[in-house]
Amino acid sequence: MRLVMFHPPGVPMERGWVGRIDGDRVVHLAAQTLQSFFTGGGAAREHASYPLDGSVLLAPVLNPPTVRIFDQEEQFAFANANAIVSPGTSIDRPAGAATVDVLLRPTAVIGAEEQLAGFTLLAEARAPSLPPPKDRDFALLLGPSMLTPDEWVPHGFGWDAAAAFARLNTALAPGDLIAGPPTAAAYGLGPGAGFRLDGAPLGALTGTIS
C-alpha cells in the first residue's frame, strides 16, 4: 500500500489528510495521522478521492517522537525531530554556512507494537563547514510517499537489526524514524540551488537552498 499525507488541489492544510494512492487518484482515509492509522490496525474508512496531479504531498510523519540516523546497523546518531519538513521546502542555510549538502536516506517508520510499518525517504541537510552536531540540526525533508513492507523493503541494510538496536533498553513509539545509510546525495549547494534526489519506487525528494 502506498500511503501519503496530502492536501487536495486548492485546499491547503498544514497537517493534511491521510491518503492512499490508487493509480492517478489519492483516496482520503479516515485517520488523523499515519501513526493513528497504523495503531488502529492499518485499516480506515475511505472518503472521497482526489486527483494525484495537483495534490500536495506532505511529510508522512510531521512530528516524529525520535529520528535516528544509521550509517551502520549498530551505530546511530539522533537527529532533530523538530527539523522535519515536507517535500519541496526551501531550506534556509544556517548562519555561517556557505553551502549545504543533502543526503538521501531510505527510512523506516515505526508503527504499532514497535514494528516496521513502512518505508519512506529522508533527505538530511548538512552544513559541512559547521562543527557537529550543528552541521545537521536544521532540516530533514521527509516523503513524498510511504510503502508498507509487503510492497517494498529497501535492500542492503539490516532494518530488523537496526530496529532491535534502537529499542535496546528503551521502547519505540509509533512514528519513530530509523534512517539508513545514504543512497544518493547532492553536494555544495549554494543560495538558489535546487536539488532532486530520486529514491525509486518511493519517488523523489526535491527542494531549494535559500
N, C-alpha and C. Protein backbone atom coordinates (compact mmCIF):
# COMPACT_ATOMS: atom_id res chain seq x y z
N MET A 1 0.85 -1.18 0.00
CA MET A 1 0.00 0.00 0.00
C MET A 1 0.89 1.24 0.00
N ARG A 2 0.59 2.19 -0.86
CA ARG A 2 1.33 3.44 -0.92
C ARG A 2 0.51 4.51 -0.19
N LEU A 3 1.08 5.03 0.88
CA LEU A 3 0.38 5.97 1.75
C LEU A 3 1.04 7.34 1.70
N VAL A 4 0.24 8.36 1.94
CA VAL A 4 0.74 9.74 1.94
C VAL A 4 -0.01 10.55 2.98
N MET A 5 0.58 11.67 3.34
CA MET A 5 -0.15 12.77 3.94
C MET A 5 -0.26 13.82 2.85
N PHE A 6 -1.45 14.38 2.65
CA PHE A 6 -1.64 15.25 1.49
C PHE A 6 -2.72 16.28 1.77
N HIS A 7 -2.76 17.28 0.91
CA HIS A 7 -3.99 18.07 0.83
C HIS A 7 -4.37 18.20 -0.64
N PRO A 8 -5.68 18.20 -0.91
CA PRO A 8 -6.17 18.20 -2.29
C PRO A 8 -5.83 19.52 -2.99
N PRO A 9 -5.95 19.54 -4.31
CA PRO A 9 -5.69 20.77 -5.06
C PRO A 9 -6.58 21.91 -4.55
N GLY A 10 -5.95 23.03 -4.24
CA GLY A 10 -6.71 24.22 -3.86
C GLY A 10 -7.25 24.21 -2.45
N VAL A 11 -6.88 23.20 -1.63
CA VAL A 11 -7.38 23.13 -0.25
C VAL A 11 -6.18 22.99 0.68
N PRO A 12 -5.40 24.06 0.88
CA PRO A 12 -4.19 23.95 1.69
C PRO A 12 -4.50 23.66 3.16
N MET A 13 -3.75 22.73 3.74
CA MET A 13 -3.87 22.38 5.15
C MET A 13 -2.49 22.08 5.68
N GLU A 14 -2.17 22.62 6.84
CA GLU A 14 -0.82 22.40 7.38
C GLU A 14 -0.58 20.93 7.71
N ARG A 15 -1.54 20.29 8.37
CA ARG A 15 -1.35 18.89 8.76
C ARG A 15 -1.70 17.93 7.63
N GLY A 16 -2.71 18.27 6.86
CA GLY A 16 -3.12 17.42 5.76
C GLY A 16 -3.98 16.25 6.18
N TRP A 17 -4.27 15.40 5.21
CA TRP A 17 -5.07 14.20 5.41
C TRP A 17 -4.23 12.97 5.12
N VAL A 18 -4.64 11.86 5.72
CA VAL A 18 -4.05 10.56 5.37
C VAL A 18 -4.67 10.10 4.05
N GLY A 19 -3.84 9.60 3.16
CA GLY A 19 -4.36 9.13 1.88
C GLY A 19 -3.67 7.87 1.40
N ARG A 20 -4.37 7.18 0.52
CA ARG A 20 -3.82 6.00 -0.16
C ARG A 20 -3.80 6.28 -1.65
N ILE A 21 -2.64 6.12 -2.28
CA ILE A 21 -2.55 6.36 -3.72
C ILE A 21 -3.09 5.16 -4.47
N ASP A 22 -4.02 5.43 -5.36
CA ASP A 22 -4.63 4.40 -6.19
C ASP A 22 -4.58 4.89 -7.64
N GLY A 23 -3.52 4.48 -8.35
CA GLY A 23 -3.35 4.95 -9.72
C GLY A 23 -3.07 6.44 -9.75
N ASP A 24 -3.92 7.17 -10.45
CA ASP A 24 -3.74 8.62 -10.54
C ASP A 24 -4.65 9.37 -9.58
N ARG A 25 -5.14 8.67 -8.54
CA ARG A 25 -6.01 9.28 -7.54
C ARG A 25 -5.42 9.09 -6.14
N VAL A 26 -5.81 9.97 -5.22
CA VAL A 26 -5.49 9.82 -3.80
C VAL A 26 -6.81 9.64 -3.05
N VAL A 27 -6.94 8.52 -2.36
CA VAL A 27 -8.15 8.22 -1.60
C VAL A 27 -7.96 8.69 -0.17
N HIS A 28 -8.84 9.56 0.30
CA HIS A 28 -8.77 10.08 1.66
C HIS A 28 -9.21 9.00 2.63
N LEU A 29 -8.36 8.70 3.64
CA LEU A 29 -8.66 7.70 4.65
C LEU A 29 -9.02 8.37 5.97
N ALA A 30 -9.93 7.76 6.70
CA ALA A 30 -10.44 8.34 7.94
C ALA A 30 -9.49 8.05 9.10
N ALA A 31 -8.36 8.74 9.11
CA ALA A 31 -7.40 8.67 10.21
C ALA A 31 -6.76 10.06 10.33
N GLN A 32 -6.42 10.43 11.55
CA GLN A 32 -5.85 11.77 11.74
C GLN A 32 -4.42 11.86 11.24
N THR A 33 -3.64 10.81 11.49
CA THR A 33 -2.24 10.76 11.09
C THR A 33 -1.91 9.34 10.66
N LEU A 34 -0.76 9.16 10.02
CA LEU A 34 -0.33 7.80 9.69
C LEU A 34 -0.05 6.99 10.95
N GLN A 35 0.43 7.65 12.02
CA GLN A 35 0.64 6.92 13.27
C GLN A 35 -0.67 6.33 13.77
N SER A 36 -1.73 7.12 13.76
CA SER A 36 -3.01 6.60 14.24
C SER A 36 -3.58 5.56 13.28
N PHE A 37 -3.29 5.68 11.99
CA PHE A 37 -3.72 4.68 11.02
C PHE A 37 -3.11 3.32 11.36
N PHE A 38 -1.82 3.30 11.67
CA PHE A 38 -1.16 2.04 11.96
C PHE A 38 -1.56 1.48 13.31
N THR A 39 -1.67 2.33 14.31
CA THR A 39 -2.06 1.82 15.63
C THR A 39 -3.52 1.36 15.63
N GLY A 40 -4.29 1.82 14.66
CA GLY A 40 -5.68 1.37 14.51
C GLY A 40 -5.81 0.11 13.70
N GLY A 41 -4.70 -0.52 13.37
CA GLY A 41 -4.74 -1.80 12.66
C GLY A 41 -4.47 -1.70 11.17
N GLY A 42 -4.15 -0.51 10.67
CA GLY A 42 -3.84 -0.36 9.26
C GLY A 42 -5.05 -0.40 8.35
N ALA A 43 -6.20 -0.08 8.90
CA ALA A 43 -7.42 -0.02 8.09
C ALA A 43 -8.21 1.20 8.52
N ALA A 44 -8.87 1.84 7.57
CA ALA A 44 -9.69 3.01 7.88
C ALA A 44 -10.74 3.18 6.80
N ARG A 45 -11.86 3.78 7.17
CA ARG A 45 -12.93 4.05 6.23
C ARG A 45 -12.42 4.99 5.14
N GLU A 46 -12.84 4.75 3.92
CA GLU A 46 -12.42 5.59 2.80
C GLU A 46 -13.44 6.69 2.54
N HIS A 47 -12.92 7.89 2.30
CA HIS A 47 -13.77 9.02 1.94
C HIS A 47 -13.64 9.27 0.43
N ALA A 48 -13.71 10.50 0.04
CA ALA A 48 -13.62 10.85 -1.38
C ALA A 48 -12.20 10.65 -1.90
N SER A 49 -12.09 10.56 -3.22
CA SER A 49 -10.77 10.50 -3.85
C SER A 49 -10.54 11.79 -4.63
N TYR A 50 -9.26 12.11 -4.82
CA TYR A 50 -8.86 13.36 -5.46
C TYR A 50 -7.77 13.06 -6.49
N PRO A 51 -7.64 13.91 -7.50
CA PRO A 51 -6.57 13.67 -8.47
C PRO A 51 -5.20 13.80 -7.81
N LEU A 52 -4.33 12.84 -8.09
CA LEU A 52 -2.97 12.91 -7.57
C LEU A 52 -2.24 14.12 -8.15
N ASP A 53 -2.45 14.34 -9.45
CA ASP A 53 -1.84 15.51 -10.09
C ASP A 53 -2.46 16.78 -9.51
N GLY A 54 -1.65 17.58 -8.88
CA GLY A 54 -2.14 18.80 -8.25
C GLY A 54 -2.30 18.69 -6.75
N SER A 55 -2.41 17.46 -6.23
CA SER A 55 -2.42 17.29 -4.77
C SER A 55 -1.03 17.57 -4.23
N VAL A 56 -0.96 18.14 -3.05
CA VAL A 56 0.32 18.46 -2.42
C VAL A 56 0.66 17.36 -1.41
N LEU A 57 1.82 16.72 -1.59
CA LEU A 57 2.24 15.65 -0.69
C LEU A 57 3.10 16.24 0.41
N LEU A 58 2.73 15.92 1.63
CA LEU A 58 3.39 16.45 2.81
C LEU A 58 4.30 15.38 3.43
N ALA A 59 5.05 15.76 4.45
CA ALA A 59 5.85 14.78 5.18
C ALA A 59 4.92 13.71 5.76
N PRO A 60 5.21 12.42 5.53
CA PRO A 60 4.33 11.37 6.05
C PRO A 60 4.19 11.40 7.58
N VAL A 61 5.25 11.79 8.27
CA VAL A 61 5.21 11.93 9.73
C VAL A 61 5.67 13.35 10.05
N LEU A 62 4.75 14.19 10.46
CA LEU A 62 5.09 15.59 10.67
C LEU A 62 5.80 15.82 12.00
N ASN A 63 5.47 15.01 13.01
CA ASN A 63 6.05 15.20 14.34
C ASN A 63 6.51 13.86 14.90
N PRO A 64 7.60 13.31 14.36
CA PRO A 64 8.08 12.03 14.87
C PRO A 64 8.60 12.17 16.31
N PRO A 65 8.36 11.16 17.16
CA PRO A 65 8.91 11.23 18.51
C PRO A 65 10.44 11.30 18.52
N THR A 66 11.07 10.48 17.67
CA THR A 66 12.53 10.50 17.56
C THR A 66 12.93 10.24 16.11
N VAL A 67 14.14 10.67 15.78
CA VAL A 67 14.74 10.38 14.48
C VAL A 67 16.14 9.83 14.75
N ARG A 68 16.40 8.63 14.28
CA ARG A 68 17.71 8.02 14.42
C ARG A 68 18.34 7.86 13.04
N ILE A 69 19.57 8.33 12.89
CA ILE A 69 20.29 8.27 11.63
C ILE A 69 21.36 7.18 11.74
N PHE A 70 21.18 6.11 10.96
CA PHE A 70 22.12 4.99 10.98
C PHE A 70 23.05 5.05 9.77
N ASP A 71 24.35 4.88 10.03
CA ASP A 71 25.30 4.63 8.95
C ASP A 71 25.80 3.19 9.00
N GLN A 72 25.60 2.53 10.15
CA GLN A 72 25.82 1.11 10.31
C GLN A 72 24.68 0.57 11.16
N GLU A 73 24.49 -0.75 11.13
CA GLU A 73 23.32 -1.33 11.80
C GLU A 73 23.34 -1.11 13.31
N GLU A 74 24.51 -0.98 13.92
CA GLU A 74 24.59 -0.77 15.37
C GLU A 74 25.35 0.52 15.68
N GLN A 75 25.06 1.55 14.90
CA GLN A 75 25.67 2.85 15.14
C GLN A 75 24.73 3.92 14.61
N PHE A 76 24.23 4.76 15.49
CA PHE A 76 23.32 5.82 15.03
C PHE A 76 23.57 7.10 15.79
N ALA A 77 23.07 8.18 15.22
CA ALA A 77 23.05 9.48 15.89
C ALA A 77 21.62 9.99 15.87
N PHE A 78 21.21 10.64 16.93
CA PHE A 78 19.89 11.25 16.96
C PHE A 78 19.91 12.53 16.12
N ALA A 79 18.84 12.75 15.38
CA ALA A 79 18.66 13.98 14.62
C ALA A 79 17.51 14.77 15.23
N ASN A 80 17.36 15.99 14.80
CA ASN A 80 16.38 16.91 15.36
C ASN A 80 14.99 16.62 14.81
N ALA A 81 14.13 16.03 15.63
CA ALA A 81 12.77 15.70 15.18
C ALA A 81 11.97 16.93 14.82
N ASN A 82 12.33 18.09 15.38
CA ASN A 82 11.62 19.33 15.06
C ASN A 82 12.05 19.90 13.71
N ALA A 83 13.05 19.28 13.07
CA ALA A 83 13.55 19.79 11.79
C ALA A 83 12.85 19.14 10.59
N ILE A 84 11.87 18.28 10.83
CA ILE A 84 11.16 17.62 9.72
C ILE A 84 10.36 18.65 8.92
N VAL A 85 10.53 18.62 7.60
CA VAL A 85 9.75 19.47 6.70
C VAL A 85 9.28 18.64 5.52
N SER A 86 8.34 19.17 4.77
CA SER A 86 7.72 18.45 3.66
C SER A 86 8.53 18.57 2.38
N PRO A 87 8.31 17.66 1.43
CA PRO A 87 9.00 17.75 0.13
C PRO A 87 8.77 19.10 -0.52
N GLY A 88 9.81 19.56 -1.23
CA GLY A 88 9.70 20.82 -1.94
C GLY A 88 9.99 22.05 -1.12
N THR A 89 10.32 21.87 0.15
CA THR A 89 10.55 23.01 1.03
C THR A 89 11.86 23.72 0.68
N SER A 90 11.89 25.02 0.86
CA SER A 90 13.11 25.80 0.72
C SER A 90 13.87 25.72 2.05
N ILE A 91 15.12 25.29 1.98
CA ILE A 91 15.95 25.10 3.17
C ILE A 91 16.78 26.36 3.42
N ASP A 92 16.65 26.92 4.60
CA ASP A 92 17.46 28.07 4.98
C ASP A 92 18.84 27.59 5.41
N ARG A 93 19.88 28.17 4.82
CA ARG A 93 21.23 27.85 5.25
C ARG A 93 21.45 28.37 6.68
N PRO A 94 22.10 27.57 7.51
CA PRO A 94 22.41 28.06 8.85
C PRO A 94 23.41 29.21 8.78
N ALA A 95 23.41 30.05 9.80
CA ALA A 95 24.38 31.13 9.87
C ALA A 95 25.79 30.57 9.83
N GLY A 96 26.61 31.14 8.97
CA GLY A 96 28.00 30.71 8.85
C GLY A 96 28.24 29.62 7.84
N ALA A 97 27.19 29.13 7.19
CA ALA A 97 27.34 28.05 6.21
C ALA A 97 27.20 28.62 4.80
N ALA A 98 28.24 28.47 3.99
CA ALA A 98 28.19 28.96 2.61
C ALA A 98 27.42 28.00 1.71
N THR A 99 27.56 26.70 1.97
CA THR A 99 26.90 25.68 1.15
C THR A 99 26.28 24.62 2.04
N VAL A 100 25.41 23.83 1.42
CA VAL A 100 24.71 22.75 2.11
C VAL A 100 24.83 21.48 1.27
N ASP A 101 25.05 20.35 1.94
CA ASP A 101 24.97 19.03 1.31
C ASP A 101 23.63 18.40 1.69
N VAL A 102 23.08 17.57 0.81
CA VAL A 102 21.83 16.88 1.10
C VAL A 102 22.03 15.40 0.82
N LEU A 103 21.79 14.56 1.82
CA LEU A 103 21.98 13.11 1.72
C LEU A 103 20.63 12.42 1.76
N LEU A 104 20.35 11.57 0.76
CA LEU A 104 19.09 10.85 0.69
C LEU A 104 19.23 9.51 1.41
N ARG A 105 18.31 9.25 2.33
CA ARG A 105 18.36 8.03 3.13
C ARG A 105 17.00 7.33 3.11
N PRO A 106 16.94 6.03 2.69
CA PRO A 106 15.71 5.28 2.91
C PRO A 106 15.45 5.18 4.40
N THR A 107 14.18 5.27 4.78
CA THR A 107 13.85 5.44 6.20
C THR A 107 12.65 4.59 6.58
N ALA A 108 12.80 3.85 7.68
CA ALA A 108 11.70 3.05 8.21
C ALA A 108 10.87 3.89 9.17
N VAL A 109 9.56 3.67 9.13
CA VAL A 109 8.63 4.31 10.06
C VAL A 109 8.09 3.23 11.00
N ILE A 110 8.19 3.48 12.29
CA ILE A 110 7.68 2.54 13.28
C ILE A 110 6.17 2.71 13.42
N GLY A 111 5.48 1.57 13.49
CA GLY A 111 4.03 1.58 13.67
C GLY A 111 3.63 0.99 15.00
N ALA A 112 2.59 0.18 14.99
CA ALA A 112 2.10 -0.43 16.22
C ALA A 112 3.06 -1.50 16.73
N GLU A 113 3.11 -1.65 18.05
CA GLU A 113 3.88 -2.71 18.71
C GLU A 113 5.34 -2.73 18.29
N GLU A 114 5.90 -1.54 18.06
CA GLU A 114 7.33 -1.36 17.76
C GLU A 114 7.76 -2.04 16.46
N GLN A 115 6.82 -2.30 15.57
CA GLN A 115 7.12 -2.96 14.31
C GLN A 115 7.34 -1.95 13.19
N LEU A 116 8.05 -2.40 12.14
CA LEU A 116 8.27 -1.55 10.97
C LEU A 116 6.97 -1.47 10.18
N ALA A 117 6.40 -0.27 10.08
CA ALA A 117 5.11 -0.09 9.41
C ALA A 117 5.27 0.23 7.94
N GLY A 118 6.41 0.79 7.56
CA GLY A 118 6.60 1.16 6.16
C GLY A 118 7.91 1.88 5.98
N PHE A 119 8.14 2.28 4.71
CA PHE A 119 9.40 2.93 4.35
C PHE A 119 9.12 4.18 3.53
N THR A 120 9.90 5.22 3.82
CA THR A 120 9.81 6.47 3.09
C THR A 120 11.23 6.96 2.82
N LEU A 121 11.37 8.21 2.41
CA LEU A 121 12.68 8.80 2.14
C LEU A 121 12.91 9.98 3.06
N LEU A 122 14.16 10.12 3.49
CA LEU A 122 14.56 11.27 4.28
C LEU A 122 15.76 11.91 3.61
N ALA A 123 15.70 13.22 3.37
CA ALA A 123 16.83 13.97 2.83
C ALA A 123 17.41 14.80 3.97
N GLU A 124 18.60 14.39 4.41
CA GLU A 124 19.25 15.03 5.55
C GLU A 124 20.14 16.16 5.05
N ALA A 125 19.81 17.38 5.44
CA ALA A 125 20.63 18.54 5.07
C ALA A 125 21.77 18.69 6.05
N ARG A 126 22.96 18.93 5.50
CA ARG A 126 24.15 19.11 6.33
C ARG A 126 24.93 20.34 5.87
N ALA A 127 25.51 21.03 6.83
CA ALA A 127 26.37 22.18 6.55
C ALA A 127 27.80 21.78 6.92
N PRO A 128 28.61 21.35 5.96
CA PRO A 128 29.91 20.76 6.29
C PRO A 128 30.88 21.72 6.96
N SER A 129 30.64 23.02 6.84
CA SER A 129 31.56 23.98 7.46
C SER A 129 31.28 24.19 8.94
N LEU A 130 30.15 23.66 9.44
CA LEU A 130 29.81 23.83 10.85
C LEU A 130 30.25 22.61 11.66
N PRO A 131 30.59 22.79 12.93
CA PRO A 131 31.01 21.66 13.76
C PRO A 131 29.82 20.80 14.15
N PRO A 132 30.03 19.48 14.29
CA PRO A 132 28.96 18.60 14.79
C PRO A 132 28.59 19.02 16.23
N PRO A 133 27.34 18.88 16.64
CA PRO A 133 26.22 18.34 15.86
C PRO A 133 25.44 19.40 15.10
N LYS A 134 25.88 20.68 15.14
CA LYS A 134 25.12 21.74 14.49
C LYS A 134 25.21 21.67 12.97
N ASP A 135 26.07 20.81 12.45
CA ASP A 135 26.15 20.66 11.00
C ASP A 135 24.94 19.95 10.43
N ARG A 136 24.11 19.31 11.30
CA ARG A 136 22.98 18.51 10.80
C ARG A 136 21.71 18.77 11.61
N ASP A 137 21.54 19.99 12.09
CA ASP A 137 20.50 20.27 13.07
C ASP A 137 19.41 21.18 12.54
N PHE A 138 19.25 21.28 11.20
CA PHE A 138 18.39 22.36 10.72
C PHE A 138 17.33 21.96 9.71
N ALA A 139 17.46 20.85 8.98
CA ALA A 139 16.41 20.50 8.01
C ALA A 139 16.48 19.01 7.66
N LEU A 140 15.34 18.35 7.75
CA LEU A 140 15.18 16.96 7.33
C LEU A 140 13.91 16.88 6.48
N LEU A 141 14.07 16.73 5.16
CA LEU A 141 12.91 16.57 4.29
C LEU A 141 12.45 15.12 4.34
N LEU A 142 11.14 14.90 4.43
CA LEU A 142 10.60 13.55 4.55
C LEU A 142 9.48 13.35 3.53
N GLY A 143 9.50 12.21 2.84
CA GLY A 143 8.43 11.89 1.89
C GLY A 143 8.99 11.35 0.58
N PRO A 144 8.29 11.49 -0.53
CA PRO A 144 6.95 12.06 -0.65
C PRO A 144 5.83 11.05 -0.36
N SER A 145 6.20 9.75 -0.34
CA SER A 145 5.19 8.73 -0.06
C SER A 145 5.81 7.67 0.84
N MET A 146 4.99 6.70 1.22
CA MET A 146 5.43 5.63 2.10
C MET A 146 4.85 4.32 1.60
N LEU A 147 5.68 3.30 1.54
CA LEU A 147 5.23 1.97 1.11
C LEU A 147 5.27 1.01 2.29
N THR A 148 4.23 0.21 2.45
CA THR A 148 4.21 -0.79 3.50
C THR A 148 5.15 -1.94 3.14
N PRO A 149 5.66 -2.67 4.15
CA PRO A 149 6.68 -3.69 3.89
C PRO A 149 6.25 -4.82 2.97
N ASP A 150 4.95 -5.06 2.85
CA ASP A 150 4.51 -6.09 1.91
C ASP A 150 4.70 -5.64 0.46
N GLU A 151 4.87 -4.33 0.26
CA GLU A 151 5.08 -3.79 -1.08
C GLU A 151 6.57 -3.62 -1.41
N TRP A 152 7.36 -3.19 -0.40
CA TRP A 152 8.77 -2.89 -0.69
C TRP A 152 9.56 -2.74 0.59
N VAL A 153 10.76 -3.34 0.59
CA VAL A 153 11.74 -3.16 1.67
C VAL A 153 13.06 -2.80 1.01
N PRO A 154 13.70 -1.70 1.39
CA PRO A 154 14.99 -1.34 0.78
C PRO A 154 16.04 -2.40 1.09
N HIS A 155 16.81 -2.79 0.08
CA HIS A 155 17.84 -3.80 0.26
C HIS A 155 19.15 -3.15 0.71
N GLY A 156 20.05 -3.98 1.19
CA GLY A 156 21.40 -3.52 1.52
C GLY A 156 21.58 -3.00 2.92
N PHE A 157 20.56 -3.14 3.78
CA PHE A 157 20.67 -2.68 5.15
C PHE A 157 19.81 -3.56 6.02
N GLY A 158 20.29 -3.85 7.24
CA GLY A 158 19.54 -4.73 8.15
C GLY A 158 18.53 -3.97 8.97
N TRP A 159 17.34 -3.78 8.44
CA TRP A 159 16.33 -2.96 9.12
C TRP A 159 15.88 -3.57 10.43
N ASP A 160 15.69 -4.88 10.46
CA ASP A 160 15.27 -5.51 11.71
C ASP A 160 16.35 -5.39 12.77
N ALA A 161 17.62 -5.56 12.37
CA ALA A 161 18.72 -5.43 13.32
C ALA A 161 18.84 -4.00 13.83
N ALA A 162 18.67 -3.03 12.94
CA ALA A 162 18.74 -1.63 13.35
C ALA A 162 17.61 -1.29 14.32
N ALA A 163 16.40 -1.79 14.03
CA ALA A 163 15.27 -1.52 14.93
C ALA A 163 15.49 -2.17 16.29
N ALA A 164 16.04 -3.40 16.30
CA ALA A 164 16.32 -4.08 17.56
C ALA A 164 17.35 -3.31 18.37
N PHE A 165 18.38 -2.78 17.71
CA PHE A 165 19.39 -1.99 18.40
C PHE A 165 18.78 -0.68 18.92
N ALA A 166 17.92 -0.07 18.13
CA ALA A 166 17.29 1.18 18.54
C ALA A 166 16.41 0.99 19.77
N ARG A 167 15.74 -0.16 19.89
CA ARG A 167 14.85 -0.37 21.03
C ARG A 167 15.56 -0.95 22.25
N LEU A 168 16.86 -1.22 22.15
CA LEU A 168 17.61 -1.75 23.27
C LEU A 168 17.54 -0.80 24.46
N ASN A 169 17.06 -1.29 25.59
CA ASN A 169 16.93 -0.52 26.84
C ASN A 169 15.94 0.63 26.76
N THR A 170 15.10 0.63 25.74
CA THR A 170 14.08 1.67 25.62
C THR A 170 12.89 1.07 24.88
N ALA A 171 12.01 1.89 24.39
CA ALA A 171 10.87 1.43 23.60
C ALA A 171 10.70 2.35 22.41
N LEU A 172 10.28 1.78 21.29
CA LEU A 172 10.00 2.57 20.10
C LEU A 172 8.52 2.95 20.08
N ALA A 173 8.25 4.16 19.61
CA ALA A 173 6.89 4.67 19.58
C ALA A 173 6.42 4.81 18.14
N PRO A 174 5.09 4.74 17.91
CA PRO A 174 4.58 4.97 16.56
C PRO A 174 5.05 6.31 16.01
N GLY A 175 5.58 6.27 14.80
CA GLY A 175 6.09 7.48 14.18
C GLY A 175 7.58 7.68 14.33
N ASP A 176 8.25 6.89 15.17
CA ASP A 176 9.70 6.96 15.24
C ASP A 176 10.29 6.65 13.86
N LEU A 177 11.39 7.33 13.53
CA LEU A 177 12.04 7.16 12.23
C LEU A 177 13.41 6.55 12.40
N ILE A 178 13.71 5.55 11.56
CA ILE A 178 15.02 4.92 11.51
C ILE A 178 15.54 5.09 10.10
N ALA A 179 16.50 6.01 9.93
CA ALA A 179 17.03 6.32 8.61
C ALA A 179 18.30 5.52 8.36
N GLY A 180 18.37 4.88 7.20
CA GLY A 180 19.51 4.06 6.84
C GLY A 180 20.61 4.85 6.15
N PRO A 181 21.67 4.16 5.71
CA PRO A 181 22.79 4.83 5.05
C PRO A 181 22.36 5.53 3.76
N PRO A 182 23.08 6.58 3.36
CA PRO A 182 22.71 7.34 2.16
C PRO A 182 22.79 6.49 0.89
N THR A 183 21.85 6.74 -0.01
CA THR A 183 21.85 6.09 -1.32
C THR A 183 22.09 7.08 -2.46
N ALA A 184 22.01 8.37 -2.17
CA ALA A 184 22.26 9.42 -3.16
C ALA A 184 22.54 10.70 -2.39
N ALA A 185 23.15 11.68 -3.07
CA ALA A 185 23.49 12.92 -2.39
C ALA A 185 23.68 14.04 -3.41
N ALA A 186 23.53 15.26 -2.94
CA ALA A 186 23.86 16.47 -3.70
C ALA A 186 24.75 17.31 -2.81
N TYR A 187 25.90 17.75 -3.37
CA TYR A 187 26.91 18.41 -2.55
C TYR A 187 27.13 19.86 -3.01
N GLY A 188 27.56 20.68 -2.06
CA GLY A 188 28.00 22.04 -2.36
C GLY A 188 26.91 22.94 -2.90
N LEU A 189 25.70 22.83 -2.34
CA LEU A 189 24.57 23.62 -2.84
C LEU A 189 24.57 25.01 -2.20
N GLY A 190 24.66 26.02 -3.04
CA GLY A 190 24.65 27.39 -2.56
C GLY A 190 23.28 28.03 -2.67
N PRO A 191 23.18 29.32 -2.34
CA PRO A 191 21.89 30.02 -2.40
C PRO A 191 21.26 29.94 -3.78
N GLY A 192 19.98 29.57 -3.83
CA GLY A 192 19.25 29.47 -5.09
C GLY A 192 19.36 28.13 -5.77
N ALA A 193 20.23 27.24 -5.30
CA ALA A 193 20.40 25.93 -5.93
C ALA A 193 19.21 25.03 -5.60
N GLY A 194 18.79 24.28 -6.59
CA GLY A 194 17.75 23.29 -6.39
C GLY A 194 18.34 21.90 -6.42
N PHE A 195 17.62 20.94 -5.87
CA PHE A 195 18.07 19.55 -5.92
C PHE A 195 16.88 18.62 -6.11
N ARG A 196 17.17 17.48 -6.70
CA ARG A 196 16.18 16.41 -6.87
C ARG A 196 16.92 15.09 -6.64
N LEU A 197 16.51 14.38 -5.61
CA LEU A 197 17.14 13.11 -5.27
C LEU A 197 16.11 12.00 -5.45
N ASP A 198 16.39 11.10 -6.39
CA ASP A 198 15.44 10.04 -6.73
C ASP A 198 15.63 8.83 -5.82
N GLY A 199 14.54 8.31 -5.35
CA GLY A 199 14.56 7.13 -4.49
C GLY A 199 13.46 6.16 -4.87
N ALA A 200 13.57 5.63 -6.10
CA ALA A 200 12.56 4.69 -6.58
C ALA A 200 12.48 3.50 -5.63
N PRO A 201 11.27 2.98 -5.41
CA PRO A 201 9.98 3.33 -6.03
C PRO A 201 9.17 4.36 -5.27
N LEU A 202 9.79 5.05 -4.33
CA LEU A 202 9.04 5.99 -3.48
C LEU A 202 8.86 7.35 -4.12
N GLY A 203 9.64 7.64 -5.16
CA GLY A 203 9.55 8.94 -5.81
C GLY A 203 10.84 9.71 -5.62
N ALA A 204 10.75 11.01 -5.56
CA ALA A 204 11.93 11.87 -5.43
C ALA A 204 11.66 12.96 -4.40
N LEU A 205 12.72 13.35 -3.71
CA LEU A 205 12.64 14.49 -2.81
C LEU A 205 13.31 15.68 -3.48
N THR A 206 12.60 16.78 -3.51
CA THR A 206 13.10 18.00 -4.14
C THR A 206 13.10 19.13 -3.12
N GLY A 207 13.91 20.13 -3.39
CA GLY A 207 13.95 21.30 -2.56
C GLY A 207 14.89 22.33 -3.13
N THR A 208 15.00 23.46 -2.48
CA THR A 208 15.92 24.53 -2.87
C THR A 208 16.65 25.01 -1.64
N ILE A 209 17.77 25.70 -1.88
CA ILE A 209 18.57 26.27 -0.79
C ILE A 209 18.41 27.77 -0.84
N SER A 210 18.14 28.36 0.30
CA SER A 210 17.99 29.82 0.36
C SER A 210 19.01 30.41 1.32
